[in-house]
N, C-alpha and C. Protein backbone atom coordinates (compact mmCIF):
# COMPACT_ATOMS: atom_id res chain seq x y z
N MET A 1 0.88 -1.21 0.07
CA MET A 1 -0.06 -0.05 -0.12
C MET A 1 0.81 1.25 0.05
N PHE A 2 0.62 2.23 -0.92
CA PHE A 2 1.40 3.39 -1.02
C PHE A 2 0.50 4.48 -0.31
N LYS A 3 1.22 5.15 0.64
CA LYS A 3 0.58 6.25 1.43
C LYS A 3 1.43 7.49 1.27
N LEU A 4 0.81 8.70 0.93
CA LEU A 4 1.44 9.98 0.88
C LEU A 4 0.86 10.92 1.66
N SER A 5 1.68 11.69 2.43
CA SER A 5 0.94 12.57 3.54
C SER A 5 1.10 14.14 2.84
N GLY A 6 0.31 14.90 2.91
CA GLY A 6 0.43 16.54 2.63
C GLY A 6 -0.02 17.19 3.92
N ILE A 7 0.89 18.11 4.13
CA ILE A 7 0.81 18.82 5.28
C ILE A 7 0.88 20.51 4.84
N ILE A 8 -0.08 21.37 5.27
CA ILE A 8 0.05 22.88 4.99
C ILE A 8 0.68 23.41 6.23
N LYS A 9 1.49 24.07 6.07
CA LYS A 9 2.29 24.91 7.31
C LYS A 9 2.23 26.60 6.96
N LYS A 10 1.95 27.13 8.19
CA LYS A 10 2.03 28.55 8.02
C LYS A 10 2.69 29.04 9.44
N ASP A 11 3.66 29.87 9.41
CA ASP A 11 4.52 30.35 10.60
C ASP A 11 4.94 29.11 11.50
N ASN A 12 5.55 28.01 10.75
CA ASN A 12 5.96 26.73 11.53
C ASN A 12 4.77 26.09 12.22
N ARG A 13 3.72 26.20 11.84
CA ARG A 13 2.53 25.56 12.47
C ARG A 13 1.59 24.73 11.42
N ILE A 14 1.31 23.68 11.80
CA ILE A 14 0.33 22.86 11.00
C ILE A 14 -0.95 23.43 10.70
N ILE A 15 -1.28 23.73 9.85
CA ILE A 15 -2.74 24.39 9.44
C ILE A 15 -3.71 23.18 9.08
N ALA A 16 -3.35 22.32 8.08
CA ALA A 16 -4.13 21.35 7.60
C ALA A 16 -3.25 20.30 7.42
N GLU A 17 -3.81 18.96 7.35
CA GLU A 17 -3.02 17.68 6.72
C GLU A 17 -3.89 16.76 6.42
N THR A 18 -3.41 15.74 5.44
CA THR A 18 -4.19 14.54 4.98
C THR A 18 -3.31 13.54 4.44
N VAL A 19 -3.75 12.55 4.45
CA VAL A 19 -2.96 11.20 4.05
C VAL A 19 -3.88 10.59 2.76
N VAL A 20 -3.31 10.14 1.63
CA VAL A 20 -3.88 9.44 0.65
C VAL A 20 -3.29 8.28 0.49
N THR A 21 -3.97 7.18 0.09
CA THR A 21 -3.46 5.97 -0.16
C THR A 21 -3.84 5.43 -1.55
N ASP A 22 -2.85 4.53 -1.94
CA ASP A 22 -3.03 3.84 -3.41
C ASP A 22 -2.65 2.62 -3.43
N SER A 23 -3.62 1.63 -3.70
CA SER A 23 -3.13 0.07 -3.59
C SER A 23 -3.05 -0.42 -5.00
N CYS A 24 -3.12 0.43 -6.19
CA CYS A 24 -2.99 -0.22 -7.49
C CYS A 24 -1.67 -0.54 -7.77
N GLU A 25 -1.28 -1.79 -8.01
CA GLU A 25 0.18 -2.37 -8.14
C GLU A 25 0.45 -2.14 -9.68
N GLU A 26 -0.35 -1.76 -10.61
CA GLU A 26 0.03 -1.52 -11.97
C GLU A 26 0.75 -0.36 -12.12
N LYS A 27 0.35 0.63 -11.15
CA LYS A 27 1.04 2.11 -11.52
C LYS A 27 2.49 2.04 -11.00
N SER A 28 3.18 2.93 -11.82
CA SER A 28 4.76 3.15 -11.28
C SER A 28 4.40 4.25 -9.90
N ARG A 29 5.71 4.20 -9.56
CA ARG A 29 5.89 5.19 -8.27
C ARG A 29 5.58 6.67 -8.49
N THR A 30 6.09 6.97 -9.79
CA THR A 30 5.93 8.47 -10.32
C THR A 30 4.22 8.83 -10.42
N LYS A 31 3.50 7.93 -11.00
CA LYS A 31 2.18 7.95 -11.09
C LYS A 31 1.59 8.03 -9.86
N LYS A 32 1.87 7.27 -8.92
CA LYS A 32 1.30 7.07 -7.55
C LYS A 32 1.37 8.49 -7.00
N VAL A 33 2.77 9.20 -7.17
CA VAL A 33 2.99 10.30 -6.41
C VAL A 33 2.22 11.50 -7.00
N LEU A 34 2.32 11.63 -8.43
CA LEU A 34 1.48 12.61 -9.11
C LEU A 34 0.10 12.48 -8.71
N ASP A 35 -0.59 11.33 -8.77
CA ASP A 35 -2.16 11.21 -8.33
C ASP A 35 -2.28 11.38 -6.95
N GLY A 36 -1.35 10.91 -6.12
CA GLY A 36 -1.57 11.41 -4.68
C GLY A 36 -1.34 12.73 -4.49
N LEU A 37 -0.44 13.59 -5.09
CA LEU A 37 -0.62 15.09 -5.01
C LEU A 37 -1.81 15.79 -5.51
N ASN A 38 -2.25 15.14 -6.45
CA ASN A 38 -3.59 15.74 -7.00
C ASN A 38 -4.73 15.62 -5.99
N ARG A 39 -4.69 14.29 -5.55
CA ARG A 39 -5.74 13.98 -4.35
C ARG A 39 -5.54 14.73 -3.21
N ILE A 40 -4.29 15.13 -2.69
CA ILE A 40 -4.25 15.86 -1.53
C ILE A 40 -4.64 17.27 -1.78
N CYS A 41 -4.40 17.85 -2.97
CA CYS A 41 -4.85 19.20 -3.35
C CYS A 41 -6.21 19.14 -3.27
N MET A 42 -6.96 18.36 -4.00
CA MET A 42 -8.33 18.20 -3.89
C MET A 42 -8.83 18.44 -2.39
N GLU A 43 -8.33 17.51 -1.75
CA GLU A 43 -8.85 17.26 -0.42
C GLU A 43 -8.68 18.65 0.50
N LEU A 44 -7.65 19.29 0.27
CA LEU A 44 -7.02 20.56 0.99
C LEU A 44 -7.61 21.76 0.37
N ASN A 45 -8.30 21.67 -0.84
CA ASN A 45 -8.84 22.75 -1.72
C ASN A 45 -7.78 23.61 -2.26
N LEU A 46 -6.76 23.08 -2.76
CA LEU A 46 -5.58 23.82 -3.26
C LEU A 46 -5.24 23.53 -4.78
N GLN A 47 -4.64 24.44 -5.38
CA GLN A 47 -4.45 24.29 -6.94
C GLN A 47 -3.09 23.28 -6.72
N VAL A 48 -2.86 22.47 -7.87
CA VAL A 48 -1.76 21.66 -7.76
C VAL A 48 -0.46 22.51 -8.07
N PRO A 49 0.46 22.31 -7.29
CA PRO A 49 1.62 22.96 -7.56
C PRO A 49 2.58 22.75 -8.80
N ILE A 50 3.51 23.79 -9.05
CA ILE A 50 4.54 23.25 -10.21
C ILE A 50 5.68 22.60 -9.50
N TRP A 51 6.07 21.65 -10.05
CA TRP A 51 7.35 20.97 -9.70
C TRP A 51 8.58 21.60 -10.26
N LEU A 52 9.36 22.14 -9.38
CA LEU A 52 10.61 22.80 -9.63
C LEU A 52 11.65 21.87 -9.68
N ASP A 53 12.85 21.73 -10.52
CA ASP A 53 13.90 20.80 -10.56
C ASP A 53 14.44 20.49 -9.30
N SER A 54 14.65 21.44 -8.67
CA SER A 54 15.19 21.17 -7.06
C SER A 54 14.28 20.36 -6.30
N GLN A 55 12.96 20.52 -6.52
CA GLN A 55 11.89 19.78 -5.59
C GLN A 55 12.00 18.28 -6.05
N ILE A 56 12.11 18.03 -7.49
CA ILE A 56 12.13 16.75 -8.00
C ILE A 56 13.41 16.01 -7.63
N ARG A 57 14.42 16.69 -7.43
CA ARG A 57 15.80 15.88 -7.04
C ARG A 57 15.49 15.69 -5.46
N GLU A 58 15.03 16.58 -4.81
CA GLU A 58 14.91 16.46 -3.24
C GLU A 58 13.92 15.33 -3.17
N PHE A 59 12.85 15.01 -3.90
CA PHE A 59 11.93 13.98 -3.75
C PHE A 59 12.67 12.85 -4.14
N GLN A 60 13.38 12.64 -5.12
CA GLN A 60 14.04 11.39 -5.43
C GLN A 60 15.03 11.01 -4.62
N ARG A 61 15.76 11.84 -3.85
CA ARG A 61 16.51 11.60 -2.80
C ARG A 61 15.84 11.06 -1.47
N SER A 62 14.88 11.75 -1.06
CA SER A 62 14.48 11.63 0.10
C SER A 62 12.84 11.26 0.56
N SER A 63 12.23 11.17 -0.67
CA SER A 63 10.78 10.86 -0.59
C SER A 63 10.08 11.85 -0.01
N HIS A 64 10.51 13.20 -0.15
CA HIS A 64 9.97 14.30 0.79
C HIS A 64 10.19 15.55 0.00
N THR A 65 9.39 16.55 -0.12
CA THR A 65 9.60 17.85 -0.51
C THR A 65 8.72 18.80 -0.18
N SER A 66 9.16 20.04 -0.57
CA SER A 66 7.90 21.24 0.06
C SER A 66 7.83 22.12 -1.11
N PHE A 67 6.56 22.48 -1.20
CA PHE A 67 6.09 23.50 -2.23
C PHE A 67 5.97 24.92 -1.57
N GLY A 68 6.69 25.87 -1.91
CA GLY A 68 6.60 27.03 -1.39
C GLY A 68 5.74 28.13 -2.23
N ARG A 69 5.41 29.15 -1.78
CA ARG A 69 4.50 30.05 -2.53
C ARG A 69 4.93 30.20 -3.95
N ASP A 70 6.18 29.95 -4.26
CA ASP A 70 6.47 30.20 -5.79
C ASP A 70 6.12 28.97 -6.57
N SER A 71 5.73 28.05 -6.05
CA SER A 71 5.39 26.88 -6.68
C SER A 71 3.80 26.83 -7.13
N PHE A 72 3.06 27.83 -6.71
CA PHE A 72 1.80 28.11 -6.96
C PHE A 72 1.61 29.43 -7.83
N ILE A 73 0.72 29.20 -8.65
CA ILE A 73 0.39 30.31 -9.51
C ILE A 73 -0.55 31.35 -8.93
N GLU A 74 -1.51 30.80 -8.16
CA GLU A 74 -2.46 31.81 -7.44
C GLU A 74 -1.71 32.12 -6.06
N GLU A 75 -2.08 33.14 -5.64
CA GLU A 75 -1.66 33.64 -4.09
C GLU A 75 -2.03 32.69 -3.13
N THR A 76 -1.12 32.19 -2.13
CA THR A 76 -1.48 31.40 -1.00
C THR A 76 -1.52 32.21 0.28
N ASP A 77 -2.33 31.45 1.26
CA ASP A 77 -2.50 32.06 2.60
C ASP A 77 -1.50 31.16 3.66
N PHE A 78 -0.76 30.39 3.04
CA PHE A 78 0.24 29.65 3.79
C PHE A 78 1.70 29.63 3.26
N ASP A 79 2.62 29.11 4.32
CA ASP A 79 4.08 29.27 3.83
C ASP A 79 4.47 28.07 2.87
N PHE A 80 3.99 27.06 2.95
CA PHE A 80 4.34 25.80 2.08
C PHE A 80 3.38 24.62 2.28
N LEU A 81 3.37 23.75 1.26
CA LEU A 81 2.77 22.47 1.43
C LEU A 81 3.81 21.53 1.33
N GLU A 82 3.91 20.73 2.17
CA GLU A 82 5.09 19.50 2.31
C GLU A 82 4.34 18.27 1.97
N ILE A 83 4.90 17.38 1.10
CA ILE A 83 4.44 16.11 1.00
C ILE A 83 5.58 15.15 1.33
N GLN A 84 5.14 13.90 1.63
CA GLN A 84 6.18 12.79 2.08
C GLN A 84 5.49 11.52 1.89
N VAL A 85 6.39 10.64 1.16
CA VAL A 85 5.76 9.30 1.25
C VAL A 85 6.15 8.67 2.57
N ILE A 86 4.96 8.24 3.02
CA ILE A 86 4.95 7.45 4.35
C ILE A 86 5.16 5.98 4.36
N GLU A 87 4.59 5.29 3.21
CA GLU A 87 4.58 3.77 3.13
C GLU A 87 4.71 3.41 1.64
N GLU A 88 5.62 2.46 1.36
CA GLU A 88 5.46 2.00 -0.05
C GLU A 88 5.51 0.45 -0.04
C-alpha cells in the first residue's frame, strides 16, 4: 500500500493535513506520487503546485519535498505544502 501525506504549514504551525493511499500495483511510483498530490490538493482545496527541478531532485533523494509560494500560480495564505511518502 502506497501512502502519501500532505501538510500545509504557516508560521511553522500545521494548518491542515491529510494522507492519501493507493493500492494499485500496476501504477509506477511516479504515477502514484502525481495522483496522490492531485488528491491531496483536492482534499485541501488547493491548486496543484508546479514541480521545480530542485523539488524533483529532493523528492527522488528523500521521498519528501516542500512547495513554497513560488510553486503556486495563485496567491496562497500559507507558507508551504509539504509532501512525504509514508509507506511504499
